[in-house]
C-alpha cells in the first residue's frame, strides 16, 4: 500500500482519448489524494521522464499499442535506466495475448492489467493496483501474480 503524505502521482500513457478520460474519471470518483499526468503517446511519456527535474511518480499505467513509440519500447527504455528502478509499471492494455503478457513480464513490468470495459470494474482495478504493497509484490513477482484479474 502506498502511504505517502504527498498525493499519489500516477502516470497514464494511452493513445486513446476516451480511455484516458475514462481512467481520469474513475480516479476522480475514488476520491484518493492523487495527481495524475496523462500522455497521448510513448514519445510524450519518455520526453517527460527524461526531464531530470521531475518528481518520480509512484506508478505508471502503460498502454502497449500506441503509434510511434509503443508501450513495449517505453518499458524497455525505462527498465534500461537505473533512475527508474523503483518505478512500478502496470501494463494497461486491451490485449490479453499470451505473447504480450510474457514479453512485458520478461521486460520488467510489475503487473499486467487487461483494460476493463465497465466503469465500476475500472475503479476497482485502479484502487486495487494503486494500493498494492509494491515492495512486497515486486520482490515476489511471478507469472501467477503478474496478470491482474478482477
N, C-alpha and C. Protein backbone atom coordinates (compact mmCIF):
# COMPACT_ATOMS: atom_id res chain seq x y z
N UNK A 1 0.84 -1.18 0.00
CA UNK A 1 0.00 0.00 0.00
C UNK A 1 0.88 1.24 0.00
N UNK A 2 0.57 2.19 -0.84
CA UNK A 2 1.31 3.43 -0.89
C UNK A 2 0.84 4.30 0.26
N UNK A 3 1.76 4.67 1.12
CA UNK A 3 1.39 5.51 2.25
C UNK A 3 2.29 6.73 2.27
N UNK A 4 1.95 7.69 1.47
CA UNK A 4 2.72 8.92 1.38
C UNK A 4 1.83 10.07 1.82
N UNK A 5 2.47 11.06 2.40
CA UNK A 5 1.72 12.27 2.75
C UNK A 5 1.43 13.07 1.49
N UNK A 6 2.34 12.98 0.53
CA UNK A 6 2.14 13.65 -0.76
C UNK A 6 1.08 12.89 -1.54
N UNK A 7 0.45 13.57 -2.49
CA UNK A 7 -0.50 12.85 -3.35
C UNK A 7 0.19 11.72 -4.10
N UNK A 8 -0.56 10.67 -4.39
CA UNK A 8 -0.03 9.57 -5.19
C UNK A 8 0.08 10.10 -6.62
N UNK A 9 1.29 10.06 -7.15
CA UNK A 9 1.49 10.56 -8.52
C UNK A 9 1.40 9.39 -9.49
N UNK A 10 0.39 9.45 -10.35
CA UNK A 10 0.09 8.39 -11.30
C UNK A 10 0.29 8.93 -12.71
N UNK A 11 0.99 8.16 -13.53
CA UNK A 11 1.12 8.49 -14.94
C UNK A 11 0.28 7.50 -15.74
N UNK A 12 -0.33 7.98 -16.80
CA UNK A 12 -1.04 7.11 -17.74
C UNK A 12 -0.61 7.50 -19.14
N UNK A 13 -0.06 6.54 -19.87
CA UNK A 13 0.29 6.74 -21.27
C UNK A 13 -0.65 5.86 -22.09
N UNK A 14 -1.52 6.51 -22.86
CA UNK A 14 -2.52 5.80 -23.65
C UNK A 14 -2.91 6.69 -24.83
N UNK A 15 -2.87 6.15 -26.03
CA UNK A 15 -3.18 6.96 -27.21
C UNK A 15 -4.67 7.17 -27.42
N UNK A 16 -5.51 6.42 -26.71
CA UNK A 16 -6.96 6.53 -26.88
C UNK A 16 -7.52 7.59 -25.92
N UNK A 17 -8.00 8.70 -26.47
CA UNK A 17 -8.50 9.80 -25.64
C UNK A 17 -9.65 9.36 -24.74
N UNK A 18 -10.56 8.54 -25.26
CA UNK A 18 -11.67 8.05 -24.44
C UNK A 18 -11.17 7.25 -23.24
N UNK A 19 -10.15 6.40 -23.47
CA UNK A 19 -9.59 5.61 -22.37
C UNK A 19 -8.92 6.50 -21.33
N UNK A 20 -8.23 7.55 -21.78
CA UNK A 20 -7.61 8.50 -20.84
C UNK A 20 -8.68 9.19 -20.00
N UNK A 21 -9.76 9.62 -20.65
CA UNK A 21 -10.85 10.30 -19.92
C UNK A 21 -11.54 9.36 -18.94
N UNK A 22 -11.81 8.13 -19.38
CA UNK A 22 -12.43 7.09 -18.58
C UNK A 22 -11.59 6.84 -17.32
N UNK A 23 -10.29 6.72 -17.50
CA UNK A 23 -9.34 6.48 -16.42
C UNK A 23 -9.37 7.66 -15.43
N UNK A 24 -9.29 8.88 -15.94
CA UNK A 24 -9.30 10.08 -15.09
C UNK A 24 -10.58 10.20 -14.29
N UNK A 25 -11.70 9.92 -14.93
CA UNK A 25 -13.00 9.99 -14.24
C UNK A 25 -13.08 8.94 -13.14
N UNK A 26 -12.61 7.73 -13.42
CA UNK A 26 -12.63 6.66 -12.41
C UNK A 26 -11.75 7.05 -11.22
N UNK A 27 -10.60 7.58 -11.50
CA UNK A 27 -9.68 8.00 -10.45
C UNK A 27 -10.30 9.12 -9.60
N UNK A 28 -10.95 10.06 -10.25
CA UNK A 28 -11.60 11.18 -9.53
C UNK A 28 -12.70 10.66 -8.60
N UNK A 29 -13.45 9.67 -9.05
CA UNK A 29 -14.54 9.13 -8.23
C UNK A 29 -14.04 8.35 -7.02
N UNK A 30 -12.79 7.88 -7.08
CA UNK A 30 -12.23 7.13 -5.95
C UNK A 30 -11.87 8.05 -4.78
N UNK A 31 -11.81 9.32 -5.05
CA UNK A 31 -11.52 10.32 -4.01
C UNK A 31 -10.22 10.00 -3.26
N UNK A 32 -9.22 9.55 -4.03
CA UNK A 32 -7.90 9.33 -3.46
C UNK A 32 -7.10 10.62 -3.66
N UNK A 33 -6.21 10.90 -2.74
CA UNK A 33 -5.35 12.06 -2.93
C UNK A 33 -4.33 11.69 -3.99
N UNK A 34 -4.50 12.25 -5.17
CA UNK A 34 -3.60 11.87 -6.25
C UNK A 34 -3.35 13.02 -7.20
N UNK A 35 -2.33 12.82 -7.98
CA UNK A 35 -2.03 13.71 -9.09
C UNK A 35 -1.86 12.76 -10.28
N UNK A 36 -2.62 12.99 -11.32
CA UNK A 36 -2.50 12.14 -12.50
C UNK A 36 -1.96 12.97 -13.66
N UNK A 37 -0.99 12.42 -14.36
CA UNK A 37 -0.42 13.07 -15.53
C UNK A 37 -0.67 12.14 -16.71
N UNK A 38 -1.31 12.69 -17.75
CA UNK A 38 -1.71 11.90 -18.91
C UNK A 38 -0.82 12.18 -20.10
N UNK A 39 -0.54 11.13 -20.87
CA UNK A 39 0.26 11.25 -22.08
C UNK A 39 -0.46 10.55 -23.21
N UNK A 40 -0.43 11.16 -24.39
CA UNK A 40 -1.15 10.59 -25.53
C UNK A 40 -0.31 9.60 -26.34
N UNK A 41 0.98 9.50 -26.03
CA UNK A 41 1.81 8.52 -26.74
C UNK A 41 3.11 8.29 -25.97
N UNK A 42 3.87 7.32 -26.44
CA UNK A 42 5.10 6.94 -25.78
C UNK A 42 6.18 8.00 -25.85
N UNK A 43 6.24 8.74 -26.94
CA UNK A 43 7.25 9.80 -27.07
C UNK A 43 7.01 10.88 -26.02
N UNK A 44 5.75 11.29 -25.87
CA UNK A 44 5.41 12.30 -24.86
C UNK A 44 5.79 11.82 -23.45
N UNK A 45 5.50 10.55 -23.16
CA UNK A 45 5.85 9.97 -21.87
C UNK A 45 7.35 10.01 -21.63
N UNK A 46 8.12 9.54 -22.61
CA UNK A 46 9.56 9.46 -22.43
C UNK A 46 10.20 10.84 -22.38
N UNK A 47 9.67 11.81 -23.12
CA UNK A 47 10.17 13.19 -23.02
C UNK A 47 9.99 13.70 -21.59
N UNK A 48 8.84 13.39 -20.99
CA UNK A 48 8.56 13.79 -19.61
C UNK A 48 9.54 13.10 -18.65
N UNK A 49 9.67 11.78 -18.77
CA UNK A 49 10.53 11.03 -17.86
C UNK A 49 12.00 11.39 -18.00
N UNK A 50 12.40 11.83 -19.19
CA UNK A 50 13.80 12.19 -19.42
C UNK A 50 14.18 13.52 -18.78
N UNK A 51 13.19 14.26 -18.29
CA UNK A 51 13.46 15.53 -17.62
C UNK A 51 14.01 15.23 -16.22
N UNK A 52 15.25 15.61 -15.94
CA UNK A 52 15.84 15.28 -14.64
C UNK A 52 15.19 16.01 -13.46
N UNK A 53 14.39 17.03 -13.73
CA UNK A 53 13.78 17.83 -12.66
C UNK A 53 12.43 17.30 -12.18
N UNK A 54 11.90 16.27 -12.84
CA UNK A 54 10.58 15.77 -12.41
C UNK A 54 10.70 15.03 -11.09
N UNK A 55 9.60 15.06 -10.35
CA UNK A 55 9.50 14.24 -9.14
C UNK A 55 9.06 12.85 -9.61
N UNK A 56 9.75 11.84 -9.14
CA UNK A 56 9.46 10.48 -9.61
C UNK A 56 8.03 10.08 -9.27
N UNK A 57 7.28 9.60 -10.27
CA UNK A 57 5.91 9.15 -10.00
C UNK A 57 5.93 7.84 -9.21
N UNK A 58 4.78 7.50 -8.63
CA UNK A 58 4.65 6.25 -7.87
C UNK A 58 4.36 5.07 -8.79
N UNK A 59 3.52 5.32 -9.80
CA UNK A 59 3.11 4.22 -10.67
C UNK A 59 2.80 4.75 -12.07
N UNK A 60 3.15 3.93 -13.04
CA UNK A 60 2.87 4.23 -14.45
C UNK A 60 1.93 3.17 -15.00
N UNK A 61 0.80 3.61 -15.53
CA UNK A 61 -0.10 2.73 -16.28
C UNK A 61 0.27 2.92 -17.74
N UNK A 62 0.68 1.85 -18.39
CA UNK A 62 1.27 1.93 -19.72
C UNK A 62 0.52 1.07 -20.73
N UNK A 63 -0.08 1.75 -21.71
CA UNK A 63 -0.73 1.05 -22.81
C UNK A 63 0.35 0.49 -23.73
N UNK A 64 0.11 -0.66 -24.33
CA UNK A 64 1.11 -1.26 -25.21
C UNK A 64 1.02 -0.77 -26.64
N UNK A 65 -0.20 -0.70 -27.16
CA UNK A 65 -0.39 -0.45 -28.59
C UNK A 65 -0.61 1.04 -28.86
N UNK A 66 0.51 1.76 -28.93
CA UNK A 66 0.46 3.18 -29.26
C UNK A 66 1.27 3.39 -30.54
N UNK A 67 0.87 4.35 -31.36
CA UNK A 67 1.62 4.61 -32.59
C UNK A 67 2.99 5.22 -32.26
N UNK A 68 3.94 5.02 -33.14
CA UNK A 68 5.28 5.57 -32.92
C UNK A 68 5.99 4.76 -31.86
N UNK A 69 6.24 5.37 -30.73
CA UNK A 69 6.91 4.69 -29.62
C UNK A 69 5.86 3.91 -28.83
N UNK A 70 5.92 2.59 -28.91
CA UNK A 70 4.93 1.73 -28.27
C UNK A 70 5.20 1.59 -26.77
N UNK A 71 4.26 0.98 -26.09
CA UNK A 71 4.45 0.67 -24.68
C UNK A 71 5.62 -0.28 -24.46
N UNK A 72 5.83 -1.21 -25.41
CA UNK A 72 6.97 -2.13 -25.32
C UNK A 72 8.27 -1.33 -25.38
N UNK A 73 8.33 -0.35 -26.30
CA UNK A 73 9.52 0.50 -26.44
C UNK A 73 9.78 1.27 -25.15
N UNK A 74 8.72 1.84 -24.59
CA UNK A 74 8.85 2.63 -23.35
C UNK A 74 9.32 1.76 -22.20
N UNK A 75 8.73 0.58 -22.06
CA UNK A 75 9.11 -0.34 -20.99
C UNK A 75 10.59 -0.66 -21.07
N UNK A 76 11.06 -0.95 -22.27
CA UNK A 76 12.47 -1.30 -22.48
C UNK A 76 13.37 -0.12 -22.09
N UNK A 77 13.02 1.09 -22.52
CA UNK A 77 13.82 2.28 -22.20
C UNK A 77 13.81 2.56 -20.69
N UNK A 78 12.65 2.46 -20.08
CA UNK A 78 12.54 2.74 -18.65
C UNK A 78 13.37 1.75 -17.84
N UNK A 79 13.24 0.48 -18.15
CA UNK A 79 13.96 -0.54 -17.37
C UNK A 79 15.47 -0.54 -17.65
N UNK A 80 15.89 0.09 -18.74
CA UNK A 80 17.32 0.20 -19.04
C UNK A 80 17.97 1.35 -18.27
N UNK A 81 17.16 2.18 -17.62
CA UNK A 81 17.65 3.36 -16.91
C UNK A 81 17.52 3.12 -15.40
N UNK A 82 18.64 3.07 -14.70
CA UNK A 82 18.62 2.78 -13.26
C UNK A 82 17.87 3.83 -12.46
N UNK A 83 17.71 5.01 -13.02
CA UNK A 83 16.96 6.07 -12.33
C UNK A 83 15.51 5.65 -12.05
N UNK A 84 14.99 4.74 -12.88
CA UNK A 84 13.59 4.32 -12.77
C UNK A 84 13.41 2.95 -12.14
N UNK A 85 14.44 2.45 -11.46
CA UNK A 85 14.34 1.07 -10.93
C UNK A 85 13.21 0.91 -9.92
N UNK A 86 12.85 1.99 -9.22
CA UNK A 86 11.79 1.92 -8.22
C UNK A 86 10.39 2.20 -8.79
N UNK A 87 10.32 2.60 -10.05
CA UNK A 87 9.03 2.94 -10.67
C UNK A 87 8.22 1.67 -10.92
N UNK A 88 7.02 1.62 -10.36
CA UNK A 88 6.12 0.49 -10.60
C UNK A 88 5.41 0.70 -11.92
N UNK A 89 5.43 -0.31 -12.77
CA UNK A 89 4.82 -0.21 -14.09
C UNK A 89 3.71 -1.23 -14.22
N UNK A 90 2.50 -0.70 -14.45
CA UNK A 90 1.33 -1.54 -14.68
C UNK A 90 1.01 -1.47 -16.17
N UNK A 91 1.17 -2.58 -16.87
CA UNK A 91 0.76 -2.62 -18.27
C UNK A 91 -0.75 -2.56 -18.27
N UNK A 92 -1.28 -1.69 -19.13
CA UNK A 92 -2.72 -1.41 -19.15
C UNK A 92 -3.16 -1.49 -20.61
N UNK A 93 -3.65 -2.67 -21.01
CA UNK A 93 -3.85 -2.94 -22.43
C UNK A 93 -5.15 -3.68 -22.71
N UNK A 94 -5.64 -3.52 -23.93
CA UNK A 94 -6.80 -4.29 -24.36
C UNK A 94 -6.39 -5.72 -24.72
N UNK A 95 -5.10 -5.94 -24.92
CA UNK A 95 -4.60 -7.25 -25.31
C UNK A 95 -4.54 -8.20 -24.12
N UNK A 96 -4.96 -9.43 -24.37
CA UNK A 96 -4.73 -10.47 -23.36
C UNK A 96 -3.93 -11.60 -24.00
N UNK A 97 -3.19 -11.26 -25.07
CA UNK A 97 -2.38 -12.25 -25.78
C UNK A 97 -1.23 -12.72 -24.90
N UNK A 98 -1.05 -14.02 -24.83
CA UNK A 98 0.00 -14.62 -24.01
C UNK A 98 1.37 -14.04 -24.38
N UNK A 99 1.60 -13.79 -25.65
CA UNK A 99 2.87 -13.23 -26.13
C UNK A 99 3.13 -11.86 -25.49
N UNK A 100 2.10 -11.01 -25.43
CA UNK A 100 2.25 -9.68 -24.84
C UNK A 100 2.49 -9.76 -23.34
N UNK A 101 1.77 -10.65 -22.68
CA UNK A 101 1.93 -10.83 -21.24
C UNK A 101 3.34 -11.32 -20.93
N UNK A 102 3.79 -12.31 -21.68
CA UNK A 102 5.13 -12.89 -21.49
C UNK A 102 6.22 -11.83 -21.74
N UNK A 103 6.08 -11.09 -22.84
CA UNK A 103 7.10 -10.11 -23.22
C UNK A 103 7.21 -8.99 -22.18
N UNK A 104 6.09 -8.54 -21.64
CA UNK A 104 6.14 -7.46 -20.64
C UNK A 104 6.62 -7.98 -19.28
N UNK A 105 6.29 -9.23 -18.97
CA UNK A 105 6.78 -9.84 -17.73
C UNK A 105 8.31 -9.92 -17.77
N UNK A 106 8.83 -10.46 -18.86
CA UNK A 106 10.28 -10.59 -19.03
C UNK A 106 10.92 -9.20 -19.11
N UNK A 107 10.19 -8.23 -19.69
CA UNK A 107 10.71 -6.87 -19.85
C UNK A 107 10.76 -6.05 -18.58
N UNK A 108 10.19 -6.55 -17.50
CA UNK A 108 10.32 -5.87 -16.22
C UNK A 108 9.10 -5.11 -15.72
N UNK A 109 7.94 -5.30 -16.37
CA UNK A 109 6.73 -4.68 -15.84
C UNK A 109 6.38 -5.35 -14.51
N UNK A 110 5.62 -4.64 -13.66
CA UNK A 110 5.27 -5.19 -12.36
C UNK A 110 3.94 -5.94 -12.36
N UNK A 111 3.04 -5.53 -13.25
CA UNK A 111 1.71 -6.15 -13.27
C UNK A 111 1.10 -5.91 -14.65
N UNK A 112 0.22 -6.80 -15.06
CA UNK A 112 -0.43 -6.70 -16.38
C UNK A 112 -1.93 -6.65 -16.15
N UNK A 113 -2.56 -5.60 -16.65
CA UNK A 113 -4.00 -5.42 -16.49
C UNK A 113 -4.66 -5.36 -17.86
N UNK A 114 -5.64 -6.21 -18.05
CA UNK A 114 -6.47 -6.08 -19.25
C UNK A 114 -7.49 -5.00 -18.96
N UNK A 115 -7.55 -4.00 -19.85
CA UNK A 115 -8.45 -2.86 -19.63
C UNK A 115 -9.88 -3.35 -19.45
N UNK A 116 -10.49 -2.99 -18.33
CA UNK A 116 -11.90 -3.34 -18.14
C UNK A 116 -12.78 -2.44 -19.01
N UNK A 117 -13.89 -2.97 -19.48
CA UNK A 117 -14.79 -2.14 -20.30
C UNK A 117 -15.99 -1.66 -19.49
N UNK A 118 -15.94 -1.85 -18.21
CA UNK A 118 -17.02 -1.46 -17.30
C UNK A 118 -16.43 -0.47 -16.29
N UNK A 119 -17.13 0.65 -16.08
CA UNK A 119 -16.63 1.73 -15.24
C UNK A 119 -16.38 1.29 -13.80
N UNK A 120 -17.29 0.54 -13.21
CA UNK A 120 -17.10 0.12 -11.81
C UNK A 120 -15.92 -0.84 -11.70
N UNK A 121 -15.71 -1.69 -12.70
CA UNK A 121 -14.54 -2.59 -12.69
C UNK A 121 -13.26 -1.79 -12.82
N UNK A 122 -13.30 -0.76 -13.65
CA UNK A 122 -12.12 0.09 -13.81
C UNK A 122 -11.75 0.75 -12.48
N UNK A 123 -12.74 1.27 -11.78
CA UNK A 123 -12.48 1.89 -10.48
C UNK A 123 -11.85 0.88 -9.52
N UNK A 124 -12.38 -0.34 -9.50
CA UNK A 124 -11.84 -1.38 -8.61
C UNK A 124 -10.40 -1.71 -8.99
N UNK A 125 -10.12 -1.84 -10.28
CA UNK A 125 -8.76 -2.14 -10.74
C UNK A 125 -7.80 -1.05 -10.30
N UNK A 126 -8.16 0.20 -10.55
CA UNK A 126 -7.28 1.31 -10.18
C UNK A 126 -7.03 1.31 -8.68
N UNK A 127 -8.10 1.20 -7.90
CA UNK A 127 -7.97 1.21 -6.44
C UNK A 127 -7.08 0.06 -5.97
N UNK A 128 -7.33 -1.14 -6.47
CA UNK A 128 -6.54 -2.31 -6.04
C UNK A 128 -5.08 -2.18 -6.44
N UNK A 129 -4.83 -1.74 -7.67
CA UNK A 129 -3.45 -1.64 -8.15
C UNK A 129 -2.69 -0.55 -7.42
N UNK A 130 -3.31 0.59 -7.20
CA UNK A 130 -2.63 1.69 -6.50
C UNK A 130 -2.33 1.29 -5.05
N UNK A 131 -3.16 0.46 -4.46
CA UNK A 131 -2.97 0.07 -3.06
C UNK A 131 -2.15 -1.20 -2.84
N UNK A 132 -1.60 -1.74 -3.90
CA UNK A 132 -0.71 -2.91 -3.75
C UNK A 132 0.52 -2.49 -2.96
N UNK A 133 1.00 -3.38 -2.12
CA UNK A 133 2.28 -3.16 -1.45
C UNK A 133 3.34 -3.51 -2.49
N UNK A 134 3.82 -2.51 -3.23
CA UNK A 134 4.70 -2.76 -4.38
C UNK A 134 6.03 -3.39 -3.99
N UNK A 135 6.55 -3.02 -2.84
CA UNK A 135 7.83 -3.59 -2.42
C UNK A 135 7.69 -5.10 -2.26
N UNK A 136 6.61 -5.54 -1.61
CA UNK A 136 6.37 -6.97 -1.44
C UNK A 136 6.00 -7.61 -2.77
N UNK A 137 5.11 -6.97 -3.51
CA UNK A 137 4.63 -7.53 -4.78
C UNK A 137 5.79 -7.74 -5.75
N UNK A 138 6.67 -6.75 -5.84
CA UNK A 138 7.78 -6.82 -6.80
C UNK A 138 8.83 -7.85 -6.39
N UNK A 139 9.05 -8.02 -5.08
CA UNK A 139 10.07 -8.97 -4.65
C UNK A 139 9.60 -10.41 -4.86
N UNK A 140 8.30 -10.64 -4.83
CA UNK A 140 7.78 -12.00 -5.01
C UNK A 140 7.15 -12.18 -6.38
N UNK A 141 7.62 -11.40 -7.35
CA UNK A 141 6.98 -11.41 -8.66
C UNK A 141 7.11 -12.76 -9.35
N UNK A 142 5.98 -13.27 -9.77
CA UNK A 142 5.98 -14.49 -10.57
C UNK A 142 4.82 -14.39 -11.56
N UNK A 143 4.80 -15.28 -12.49
CA UNK A 143 3.83 -15.22 -13.58
C UNK A 143 2.39 -15.29 -13.06
N UNK A 144 2.16 -16.00 -11.97
CA UNK A 144 0.80 -16.15 -11.45
C UNK A 144 0.27 -14.83 -10.86
N UNK A 145 1.15 -14.04 -10.26
CA UNK A 145 0.71 -12.77 -9.66
C UNK A 145 0.82 -11.61 -10.65
N UNK A 146 1.44 -11.85 -11.79
CA UNK A 146 1.68 -10.78 -12.76
C UNK A 146 0.41 -10.34 -13.49
N UNK A 147 -0.40 -11.29 -13.90
CA UNK A 147 -1.64 -10.96 -14.62
C UNK A 147 -2.72 -10.67 -13.61
N UNK A 148 -3.19 -9.42 -13.59
CA UNK A 148 -4.18 -8.98 -12.61
C UNK A 148 -5.56 -9.19 -13.20
N UNK A 149 -6.41 -9.89 -12.47
CA UNK A 149 -7.77 -10.06 -12.96
C UNK A 149 -8.75 -9.79 -11.84
N UNK A 150 -9.94 -9.28 -12.23
CA UNK A 150 -10.96 -9.00 -11.22
C UNK A 150 -12.14 -9.92 -11.44
